[in-house]
């Protein structure tokens, strides 16, 4: 397993990243932040989650439960849901029809990293 560079996230970004574990079964982290967590080549500024299913209306409801009611919704369609959380970080859920060829264990790895030593 490769190392995850959480220092690629700002303190606010890390807080948002922790909350994204609520969506681990929905899709997988993609884009620049996914690379930054693996390569440590830049600071992350947003989160892109790819999902093999169209975006349903109840996803926005769940996002409001997790991130709070004060989301600034920028795009809400069957292909994409993009919003700003109160920390002013952009989150995008994208319907990406091409199925990934691996299992998503990122949420388990993240839980191990974030909660290491807490028994």
N, C-alpha and C. Protein backbone atom coordinates (compact mmCIF):
# COMPACT_ATOMS: atom_id res chain seq x y z
N UNK A 1 0.85 -1.17 0.00
CA UNK A 1 0.00 0.00 0.00
C UNK A 1 0.89 1.24 0.00
N UNK A 2 0.56 2.21 -0.82
CA UNK A 2 1.36 3.43 -0.88
C UNK A 2 0.95 4.38 0.24
N UNK A 3 1.86 5.27 0.58
CA UNK A 3 1.62 6.25 1.64
C UNK A 3 0.63 7.30 1.16
N UNK A 4 -0.19 7.78 2.08
CA UNK A 4 -1.11 8.88 1.79
C UNK A 4 -0.56 10.12 2.47
N UNK A 5 -0.37 11.20 1.70
CA UNK A 5 0.20 12.44 2.21
C UNK A 5 -0.91 13.41 2.62
N UNK A 6 -1.39 13.25 3.86
CA UNK A 6 -2.47 14.12 4.33
C UNK A 6 -2.02 15.57 4.45
N UNK A 7 -0.70 15.81 4.50
CA UNK A 7 -0.20 17.19 4.55
C UNK A 7 -0.47 17.93 3.25
N UNK A 8 -0.94 17.24 2.23
CA UNK A 8 -1.37 17.90 0.98
C UNK A 8 -2.69 18.64 1.18
N UNK A 9 -3.33 18.40 2.32
CA UNK A 9 -4.60 19.05 2.63
C UNK A 9 -4.39 20.16 3.66
N UNK A 10 -5.08 21.27 3.47
CA UNK A 10 -5.09 22.32 4.48
C UNK A 10 -5.88 21.79 5.69
N UNK A 11 -5.80 22.45 6.85
CA UNK A 11 -6.61 22.00 7.99
C UNK A 11 -8.11 21.95 7.65
N UNK A 12 -8.61 22.94 6.92
CA UNK A 12 -10.02 22.91 6.50
C UNK A 12 -10.26 21.77 5.53
N UNK A 13 -9.32 21.55 4.62
CA UNK A 13 -9.44 20.46 3.66
C UNK A 13 -9.46 19.10 4.33
N UNK A 14 -8.65 18.93 5.37
CA UNK A 14 -8.62 17.68 6.11
C UNK A 14 -9.96 17.44 6.80
N UNK A 15 -10.54 18.50 7.34
CA UNK A 15 -11.86 18.39 7.97
C UNK A 15 -12.91 17.93 6.96
N UNK A 16 -12.89 18.52 5.78
CA UNK A 16 -13.83 18.13 4.72
C UNK A 16 -13.55 16.69 4.28
N UNK A 17 -12.29 16.34 4.14
CA UNK A 17 -11.90 14.99 3.72
C UNK A 17 -12.44 13.94 4.69
N UNK A 18 -12.35 14.22 5.98
CA UNK A 18 -12.89 13.29 6.99
C UNK A 18 -14.38 13.09 6.78
N UNK A 19 -15.09 14.17 6.49
CA UNK A 19 -16.54 14.07 6.29
C UNK A 19 -16.87 13.29 5.01
N UNK A 20 -15.99 13.34 4.03
CA UNK A 20 -16.22 12.61 2.78
C UNK A 20 -16.22 11.10 2.97
N UNK A 21 -15.70 10.61 4.09
CA UNK A 21 -15.75 9.17 4.33
C UNK A 21 -17.19 8.68 4.39
N UNK A 22 -18.14 9.58 4.65
CA UNK A 22 -19.57 9.22 4.63
C UNK A 22 -20.04 8.80 3.24
N UNK A 23 -19.26 9.10 2.22
CA UNK A 23 -19.63 8.81 0.83
C UNK A 23 -18.72 7.75 0.21
N UNK A 24 -17.97 7.03 1.02
CA UNK A 24 -16.98 6.08 0.51
C UNK A 24 -17.60 4.98 -0.34
N UNK A 25 -18.80 4.56 -0.03
CA UNK A 25 -19.45 3.50 -0.81
C UNK A 25 -20.14 4.05 -2.05
N UNK A 26 -20.21 5.36 -2.18
CA UNK A 26 -20.92 5.98 -3.30
C UNK A 26 -20.03 6.13 -4.53
N UNK A 27 -18.77 6.43 -4.31
CA UNK A 27 -17.87 6.66 -5.43
C UNK A 27 -16.44 6.67 -4.96
N UNK A 28 -15.55 7.18 -5.80
CA UNK A 28 -14.14 7.22 -5.41
C UNK A 28 -13.53 8.57 -5.73
N UNK A 29 -12.57 8.96 -4.91
CA UNK A 29 -11.89 10.23 -5.09
C UNK A 29 -11.05 10.18 -6.36
N UNK A 30 -11.14 11.21 -7.16
CA UNK A 30 -10.41 11.27 -8.43
C UNK A 30 -9.83 12.68 -8.59
N UNK A 31 -9.14 12.91 -9.66
CA UNK A 31 -8.64 14.24 -9.97
C UNK A 31 -7.37 14.61 -9.22
N UNK A 32 -7.12 15.91 -9.16
CA UNK A 32 -5.89 16.44 -8.60
C UNK A 32 -5.67 16.12 -7.14
N UNK A 33 -6.74 16.14 -6.35
CA UNK A 33 -6.58 15.84 -4.93
C UNK A 33 -6.18 14.38 -4.72
N UNK A 34 -6.78 13.48 -5.48
CA UNK A 34 -6.40 12.07 -5.37
C UNK A 34 -4.91 11.90 -5.68
N UNK A 35 -4.44 12.61 -6.70
CA UNK A 35 -3.01 12.55 -7.03
C UNK A 35 -2.15 13.21 -5.95
N UNK A 36 -2.60 14.35 -5.44
CA UNK A 36 -1.84 15.06 -4.41
C UNK A 36 -1.67 14.21 -3.16
N UNK A 37 -2.69 13.45 -2.80
CA UNK A 37 -2.59 12.58 -1.63
C UNK A 37 -1.59 11.45 -1.84
N UNK A 38 -1.34 11.10 -3.09
CA UNK A 38 -0.38 10.02 -3.39
C UNK A 38 1.01 10.55 -3.73
N UNK A 39 1.06 11.70 -4.41
CA UNK A 39 2.35 12.20 -4.91
C UNK A 39 2.93 13.36 -4.11
N UNK A 40 2.06 14.04 -3.34
CA UNK A 40 2.47 15.21 -2.54
C UNK A 40 3.07 16.30 -3.42
N UNK A 41 2.49 16.49 -4.59
CA UNK A 41 3.05 17.46 -5.53
C UNK A 41 2.43 18.85 -5.41
N UNK A 42 1.34 18.96 -4.69
CA UNK A 42 0.70 20.26 -4.51
C UNK A 42 -0.28 20.19 -3.35
N UNK A 43 -0.77 21.36 -2.92
CA UNK A 43 -1.82 21.38 -1.91
C UNK A 43 -3.16 21.20 -2.60
N UNK A 44 -3.99 20.42 -1.99
CA UNK A 44 -5.32 20.16 -2.54
C UNK A 44 -6.22 21.37 -2.34
N UNK A 45 -7.07 21.64 -3.32
CA UNK A 45 -7.99 22.77 -3.20
C UNK A 45 -9.45 22.38 -3.39
N UNK A 46 -9.72 21.17 -3.86
CA UNK A 46 -11.10 20.73 -4.06
C UNK A 46 -11.15 19.21 -4.04
N UNK A 47 -12.36 18.67 -4.10
CA UNK A 47 -12.54 17.22 -4.08
C UNK A 47 -13.48 16.82 -5.21
N UNK A 48 -13.05 15.84 -6.01
CA UNK A 48 -13.86 15.29 -7.10
C UNK A 48 -14.12 13.82 -6.79
N UNK A 49 -15.39 13.45 -6.75
CA UNK A 49 -15.77 12.07 -6.49
C UNK A 49 -16.49 11.54 -7.73
N UNK A 50 -15.95 10.49 -8.31
CA UNK A 50 -16.56 9.87 -9.49
C UNK A 50 -17.45 8.73 -9.03
N UNK A 51 -18.61 8.62 -9.65
CA UNK A 51 -19.56 7.56 -9.32
C UNK A 51 -20.08 6.91 -10.59
N UNK A 52 -20.31 5.60 -10.58
CA UNK A 52 -20.79 4.92 -11.78
C UNK A 52 -22.29 5.07 -12.00
N UNK A 53 -22.98 5.79 -11.12
CA UNK A 53 -24.42 5.98 -11.24
C UNK A 53 -24.75 7.46 -11.44
N UNK A 54 -25.89 7.70 -12.09
CA UNK A 54 -26.35 9.09 -12.22
C UNK A 54 -26.58 9.68 -10.83
N UNK A 55 -26.43 10.99 -10.75
CA UNK A 55 -26.60 11.70 -9.48
C UNK A 55 -28.10 11.83 -9.19
N UNK A 56 -28.51 11.30 -8.06
CA UNK A 56 -29.92 11.36 -7.66
C UNK A 56 -30.15 12.55 -6.74
N UNK A 57 -31.40 13.00 -6.69
CA UNK A 57 -31.73 14.19 -5.89
C UNK A 57 -31.44 14.00 -4.40
N UNK A 58 -31.54 12.77 -3.91
CA UNK A 58 -31.31 12.56 -2.48
C UNK A 58 -29.84 12.73 -2.08
N UNK A 59 -28.93 12.77 -3.05
CA UNK A 59 -27.52 13.00 -2.72
C UNK A 59 -27.33 14.39 -2.11
N UNK A 60 -27.99 15.39 -2.65
CA UNK A 60 -27.88 16.74 -2.10
C UNK A 60 -28.40 16.77 -0.66
N UNK A 61 -29.46 16.04 -0.39
CA UNK A 61 -29.99 15.96 0.97
C UNK A 61 -28.94 15.37 1.92
N UNK A 62 -28.29 14.29 1.48
CA UNK A 62 -27.25 13.67 2.30
C UNK A 62 -26.07 14.62 2.50
N UNK A 63 -25.70 15.34 1.45
CA UNK A 63 -24.60 16.30 1.56
C UNK A 63 -24.91 17.37 2.59
N UNK A 64 -26.15 17.83 2.62
CA UNK A 64 -26.55 18.85 3.60
C UNK A 64 -26.51 18.28 5.02
N UNK A 65 -26.84 17.01 5.17
CA UNK A 65 -26.75 16.37 6.48
C UNK A 65 -25.30 16.31 6.96
N UNK A 66 -24.41 15.96 6.05
CA UNK A 66 -23.00 15.77 6.40
C UNK A 66 -22.26 17.09 6.55
N UNK A 67 -22.46 18.03 5.61
CA UNK A 67 -21.68 19.27 5.57
C UNK A 67 -22.42 20.47 6.13
N UNK A 68 -23.71 20.34 6.40
CA UNK A 68 -24.49 21.46 6.91
C UNK A 68 -25.42 22.02 5.85
N UNK A 69 -26.41 22.73 6.28
CA UNK A 69 -27.43 23.26 5.38
C UNK A 69 -26.92 24.38 4.48
N UNK A 70 -25.86 25.05 4.87
CA UNK A 70 -25.38 26.23 4.14
C UNK A 70 -24.45 25.89 2.99
N UNK A 71 -24.87 24.99 2.12
CA UNK A 71 -24.08 24.67 0.94
C UNK A 71 -24.46 25.64 -0.17
N UNK A 72 -23.47 26.08 -0.92
CA UNK A 72 -23.74 26.91 -2.10
C UNK A 72 -23.70 25.99 -3.31
N UNK A 73 -24.89 25.63 -3.81
CA UNK A 73 -24.98 24.69 -4.93
C UNK A 73 -24.69 25.43 -6.23
N UNK A 74 -23.71 24.94 -6.98
CA UNK A 74 -23.30 25.55 -8.24
C UNK A 74 -23.88 24.80 -9.44
N UNK A 75 -23.89 23.47 -9.38
CA UNK A 75 -24.46 22.64 -10.45
C UNK A 75 -25.20 21.48 -9.79
N UNK A 76 -26.42 21.22 -10.26
CA UNK A 76 -27.20 20.10 -9.76
C UNK A 76 -27.93 19.46 -10.93
N UNK A 77 -27.35 18.39 -11.47
CA UNK A 77 -27.93 17.70 -12.62
C UNK A 77 -27.70 16.20 -12.45
N UNK A 78 -28.29 15.37 -13.30
CA UNK A 78 -28.04 13.92 -13.20
C UNK A 78 -26.58 13.54 -13.46
N UNK A 79 -25.82 14.42 -14.11
CA UNK A 79 -24.41 14.14 -14.42
C UNK A 79 -23.43 14.69 -13.39
N UNK A 80 -23.86 15.72 -12.65
CA UNK A 80 -22.91 16.40 -11.76
C UNK A 80 -23.62 17.15 -10.65
N UNK A 81 -23.05 17.06 -9.45
CA UNK A 81 -23.46 17.89 -8.33
C UNK A 81 -22.20 18.58 -7.82
N UNK A 82 -22.19 19.90 -7.91
CA UNK A 82 -21.04 20.69 -7.45
C UNK A 82 -21.54 21.72 -6.45
N UNK A 83 -20.84 21.84 -5.33
CA UNK A 83 -21.22 22.81 -4.31
C UNK A 83 -20.01 23.24 -3.51
N UNK A 84 -20.15 24.38 -2.85
CA UNK A 84 -19.15 24.88 -1.91
C UNK A 84 -19.65 24.58 -0.50
N UNK A 85 -18.78 24.04 0.32
CA UNK A 85 -19.12 23.82 1.72
C UNK A 85 -18.82 25.10 2.48
N UNK A 86 -19.29 25.23 3.73
CA UNK A 86 -19.04 26.46 4.49
C UNK A 86 -17.56 26.83 4.59
N UNK A 87 -16.66 25.84 4.51
CA UNK A 87 -15.22 26.11 4.54
C UNK A 87 -14.71 26.70 3.23
N UNK A 88 -15.63 26.92 2.28
CA UNK A 88 -15.31 27.47 0.95
C UNK A 88 -14.44 26.53 0.12
N UNK A 89 -14.68 25.25 0.28
CA UNK A 89 -14.00 24.22 -0.51
C UNK A 89 -15.02 23.61 -1.46
N UNK A 90 -14.62 23.45 -2.69
CA UNK A 90 -15.48 22.93 -3.75
C UNK A 90 -15.50 21.40 -3.72
N UNK A 91 -16.70 20.83 -3.77
CA UNK A 91 -16.87 19.38 -3.87
C UNK A 91 -17.71 19.09 -5.11
N UNK A 92 -17.26 18.14 -5.92
CA UNK A 92 -17.99 17.75 -7.12
C UNK A 92 -18.18 16.24 -7.14
N UNK A 93 -19.42 15.82 -7.30
CA UNK A 93 -19.75 14.43 -7.57
C UNK A 93 -20.04 14.35 -9.06
N UNK A 94 -19.36 13.44 -9.76
CA UNK A 94 -19.49 13.33 -11.21
C UNK A 94 -19.95 11.93 -11.58
N UNK A 95 -21.00 11.85 -12.40
CA UNK A 95 -21.40 10.57 -12.97
C UNK A 95 -20.39 10.24 -14.05
N UNK A 96 -19.65 9.16 -13.82
CA UNK A 96 -18.63 8.72 -14.78
C UNK A 96 -18.96 7.28 -15.12
N UNK A 97 -19.48 7.06 -16.29
CA UNK A 97 -20.03 5.76 -16.67
C UNK A 97 -19.01 4.63 -16.73
N UNK A 98 -17.73 4.97 -16.86
CA UNK A 98 -16.70 3.94 -16.98
C UNK A 98 -16.41 3.36 -15.60
N UNK A 99 -16.70 2.10 -15.40
CA UNK A 99 -16.52 1.49 -14.09
C UNK A 99 -15.03 1.27 -13.79
N UNK A 100 -14.66 1.54 -12.55
CA UNK A 100 -13.27 1.32 -12.16
C UNK A 100 -13.00 -0.18 -12.07
N UNK A 101 -11.76 -0.56 -12.25
CA UNK A 101 -11.40 -1.96 -12.26
C UNK A 101 -10.77 -2.43 -10.97
N UNK A 102 -11.10 -1.76 -9.85
CA UNK A 102 -10.52 -2.14 -8.57
C UNK A 102 -11.53 -1.85 -7.48
N UNK A 103 -11.33 -2.47 -6.32
CA UNK A 103 -12.20 -2.21 -5.17
C UNK A 103 -11.75 -0.93 -4.47
N UNK A 104 -12.70 -0.24 -3.88
CA UNK A 104 -12.41 1.01 -3.19
C UNK A 104 -12.15 0.73 -1.71
N UNK A 105 -10.89 0.79 -1.33
CA UNK A 105 -10.52 0.59 0.07
C UNK A 105 -10.08 1.89 0.72
N UNK A 106 -10.19 2.99 0.02
CA UNK A 106 -9.66 4.26 0.52
C UNK A 106 -10.26 4.64 1.87
N UNK A 107 -11.56 4.43 2.06
CA UNK A 107 -12.18 4.82 3.32
C UNK A 107 -11.63 3.99 4.49
N UNK A 108 -11.30 2.72 4.24
CA UNK A 108 -10.72 1.89 5.30
C UNK A 108 -9.30 2.34 5.63
N UNK A 109 -8.54 2.67 4.60
CA UNK A 109 -7.18 3.17 4.80
C UNK A 109 -7.23 4.49 5.55
N UNK A 110 -8.13 5.38 5.13
CA UNK A 110 -8.26 6.68 5.78
C UNK A 110 -8.63 6.52 7.25
N UNK A 111 -9.58 5.65 7.53
CA UNK A 111 -9.99 5.44 8.91
C UNK A 111 -8.80 4.97 9.76
N UNK A 112 -7.99 4.08 9.21
CA UNK A 112 -6.81 3.59 9.92
C UNK A 112 -5.83 4.72 10.19
N UNK A 113 -5.62 5.59 9.20
CA UNK A 113 -4.67 6.69 9.34
C UNK A 113 -5.18 7.73 10.34
N UNK A 114 -6.44 8.11 10.21
CA UNK A 114 -6.99 9.19 11.03
C UNK A 114 -7.19 8.78 12.48
N UNK A 115 -7.50 7.52 12.70
CA UNK A 115 -7.84 7.08 14.06
C UNK A 115 -6.79 6.15 14.65
N UNK A 116 -5.59 6.17 14.10
CA UNK A 116 -4.50 5.34 14.61
C UNK A 116 -4.23 5.69 16.07
N UNK A 117 -4.13 4.68 16.89
CA UNK A 117 -3.81 4.90 18.29
C UNK A 117 -4.99 5.22 19.17
N UNK A 118 -6.18 5.25 18.63
CA UNK A 118 -7.37 5.53 19.45
C UNK A 118 -8.08 4.21 19.73
N UNK A 119 -7.94 3.70 20.91
CA UNK A 119 -8.61 2.44 21.30
C UNK A 119 -9.45 2.65 22.52
